[in-house]
Amino acid sequence: MKQDIHPKWYPDAKVVVDGEVVMTVGSTQPEIRVEIWSGTHPFYTGTQRLVDTEGQVDRFMRRLQRRQEMVKQEEEVKETAKPVNLEVDGMDLGTRATKALKEAELTTVGDVLELLNQGEDALLALPGIGQKALIDIKRFLRSEGLID
């Protein structure tokens, strides 16, 4: 066997974490400096510790925030696109019936639907609304799935 080919062995090498000696082990170096060891690793401690590498956590948080904003905007668009929130002009009732509804301060389809729920006579009582306009209103509400 050759002499002096093996490195020097240190039976009491110190393991240092954040400037504190946490244990001693056998090693070929007198001192071993580490950032994470079993006493601080989340797997062993059950706690979470973020190790941010080059701003990955910040980038993830920004992406998450953008995603939440996009979802919120989509919900707002869906809310305004509901048939109940449409203007009376979108019902294509004709000039006379549309004008009559606006004069009665029924500006959205939801307002017309509320009045219709009180009964057909409530709508027919409005000046300028006749049987044809009532039929057109019901046809529109059925096509949008608001009534049966």
Protein backbone atom coordinates (compact mmCIF):
# COMPACT_ATOMS: atom_id res chain seq x y z
CA MET A 1 0.00 0.00 0.00
CA LYS A 2 1.23 3.50 -0.87
CA GLN A 3 2.02 5.93 1.87
CA ASP A 4 0.54 9.46 2.20
CA ILE A 5 -2.09 9.20 -0.56
CA HIS A 6 -5.14 9.55 1.72
CA PRO A 7 -6.36 12.98 2.90
CA LYS A 8 -6.11 13.91 6.55
CA TRP A 9 -9.06 12.67 8.61
CA TYR A 10 -10.74 14.94 11.17
CA PRO A 11 -12.85 12.80 13.52
CA ASP A 12 -14.40 15.89 15.18
CA ALA A 13 -15.13 18.16 12.18
CA LYS A 14 -17.62 20.92 13.04
CA VAL A 15 -20.81 21.45 11.01
CA VAL A 16 -21.67 25.18 11.05
CA VAL A 17 -25.08 26.66 10.15
CA ASP A 18 -25.51 30.47 10.31
CA GLY A 19 -22.37 30.83 12.44
CA GLU A 20 -23.49 28.21 14.97
CA VAL A 21 -21.94 24.77 15.45
CA VAL A 22 -24.79 22.28 15.26
CA MET A 23 -22.93 18.95 15.33
CA THR A 24 -19.61 17.24 14.87
CA VAL A 25 -18.91 14.53 12.33
CA GLY A 26 -15.95 12.74 10.81
CA SER A 27 -14.69 14.45 7.66
CA THR A 28 -11.68 15.30 5.53
CA GLN A 29 -12.25 19.00 6.29
CA PRO A 30 -11.95 20.54 9.74
CA GLU A 31 -15.09 22.70 9.32
CA ILE A 32 -18.16 22.28 7.09
CA ARG A 33 -20.41 25.31 6.44
CA VAL A 34 -23.99 24.58 5.27
CA GLU A 35 -27.14 26.67 4.73
CA ILE A 36 -29.76 24.00 5.43
CA TRP A 37 -29.47 20.89 7.57
CA SER A 38 -31.95 18.42 9.08
CA GLY A 39 -32.69 20.75 12.01
CA THR A 40 -33.95 23.52 9.70
CA HIS A 41 -35.18 21.55 6.67
CA PRO A 42 -38.99 21.78 6.26
CA PHE A 43 -39.29 18.03 5.72
CA TYR A 44 -37.95 17.33 9.20
CA THR A 45 -39.33 20.34 11.09
CA GLY A 46 -42.80 20.48 9.55
CA THR A 47 -42.49 24.24 9.01
CA GLN A 48 -42.19 26.01 5.71
CA ARG A 49 -39.20 28.17 4.93
CA LEU A 50 -38.97 29.93 1.61
CA VAL A 51 -35.61 29.82 -0.07
CA ASP A 52 -35.94 32.54 -2.70
CA THR A 53 -33.70 31.87 -5.66
CA GLU A 54 -33.34 34.90 -7.91
CA GLY A 55 -36.78 36.34 -7.10
CA GLN A 56 -38.80 33.26 -8.06
CA VAL A 57 -41.23 33.80 -5.20
CA ASP A 58 -41.78 37.44 -6.24
CA ARG A 59 -42.38 36.44 -9.86
CA PHE A 60 -44.85 33.78 -8.77
CA MET A 61 -46.72 36.24 -6.54
CA ARG A 62 -46.97 38.77 -9.41
CA ARG A 63 -48.32 36.08 -11.77
CA LEU A 64 -50.83 35.00 -9.14
CA GLN A 65 -52.01 38.59 -8.63
CA ARG A 66 -52.39 39.14 -12.40
CA ARG A 67 -54.42 35.92 -12.65
CA GLN A 68 -56.74 37.03 -9.84
CA GLU A 69 -57.27 40.40 -11.56
CA MET A 70 -58.08 38.66 -14.86
CA VAL A 71 -60.63 36.38 -13.17
CA LYS A 72 -62.25 39.39 -11.50
CA GLN A 73 -62.51 41.23 -14.84
CA GLU A 74 -64.05 38.16 -16.50
CA GLU A 75 -66.67 37.96 -13.75
CA GLU A 76 -67.52 41.65 -14.22
CA VAL A 77 -67.94 41.14 -17.97
CA LYS A 78 -70.18 38.13 -17.41
CA GLU A 79 -72.28 40.10 -14.92
CA THR A 80 -72.87 42.96 -17.35
CA ALA A 81 -73.59 40.54 -20.21
CA LYS A 82 -76.46 38.86 -18.35
CA PRO A 83 -79.76 39.38 -20.17
CA VAL A 84 -81.33 40.93 -17.07
CA ASN A 85 -78.80 43.79 -17.23
CA LEU A 86 -79.39 44.57 -20.92
CA GLU A 87 -80.95 47.85 -21.95
CA VAL A 88 -84.56 47.87 -23.20
CA ASP A 89 -83.28 48.96 -26.63
CA GLY A 90 -81.77 45.50 -27.10
CA MET A 91 -85.19 43.83 -27.02
CA ASP A 92 -86.08 45.11 -30.54
CA LEU A 93 -89.67 45.93 -29.62
CA GLY A 94 -90.08 48.86 -31.93
CA THR A 95 -89.82 52.59 -31.34
CA ARG A 96 -93.24 53.10 -29.74
CA ALA A 97 -92.96 50.25 -27.20
CA THR A 98 -89.35 51.08 -26.33
CA LYS A 99 -90.24 54.73 -25.77
CA ALA A 100 -93.22 53.72 -23.60
CA LEU A 101 -91.01 51.51 -21.41
CA LYS A 102 -88.42 54.26 -21.00
CA GLU A 103 -91.13 56.80 -20.06
CA ALA A 104 -92.30 54.35 -17.39
CA GLU A 105 -88.68 54.29 -16.11
CA LEU A 106 -88.18 50.66 -17.12
CA THR A 107 -84.63 50.91 -18.52
CA THR A 108 -83.37 47.31 -18.25
CA VAL A 109 -84.77 43.90 -19.12
CA GLY A 110 -84.74 43.12 -15.38
CA ASP A 111 -87.12 46.02 -14.72
CA VAL A 112 -89.53 44.77 -17.41
CA LEU A 113 -89.32 41.24 -16.00
CA GLU A 114 -90.21 42.47 -12.50
CA LEU A 115 -93.27 44.27 -13.85
CA LEU A 116 -94.29 41.22 -15.87
CA ASN A 117 -94.06 39.06 -12.72
CA GLN A 118 -96.81 41.27 -11.26
CA GLY A 119 -98.99 40.19 -14.16
CA GLU A 120 -99.56 40.90 -17.82
CA ASP A 121 -102.10 43.58 -16.95
CA ALA A 122 -99.37 45.64 -15.27
CA LEU A 123 -97.50 45.84 -18.57
CA LEU A 124 -100.65 46.38 -20.64
CA ALA A 125 -101.58 49.28 -18.34
CA LEU A 126 -98.60 51.25 -19.62
CA PRO A 127 -99.58 53.69 -22.38
CA GLY A 128 -98.04 52.58 -25.67
CA ILE A 129 -97.83 48.88 -24.76
CA GLY A 130 -100.34 46.65 -26.52
CA GLN A 131 -100.81 42.95 -27.14
CA LYS A 132 -98.17 42.86 -29.90
CA ALA A 133 -95.56 44.51 -27.67
CA LEU A 134 -96.44 42.10 -24.84
CA ILE A 135 -96.01 39.12 -27.18
CA ASP A 136 -92.64 40.49 -28.40
CA ILE A 137 -91.48 41.06 -24.80
CA LYS A 138 -92.42 37.50 -23.81
CA ARG A 139 -90.75 36.09 -26.94
CA PHE A 140 -87.52 37.90 -26.08
CA LEU A 141 -87.62 36.78 -22.43
CA ARG A 142 -88.20 33.16 -23.51
CA SER A 143 -85.32 33.28 -25.98
CA GLU A 144 -83.03 34.49 -23.19
CA GLY A 145 -84.29 31.78 -20.83
CA LEU A 146 -85.74 34.22 -18.31
CA ILE A 147 -89.30 32.83 -18.44
CA ASP A 148 -90.91 29.55 -19.48
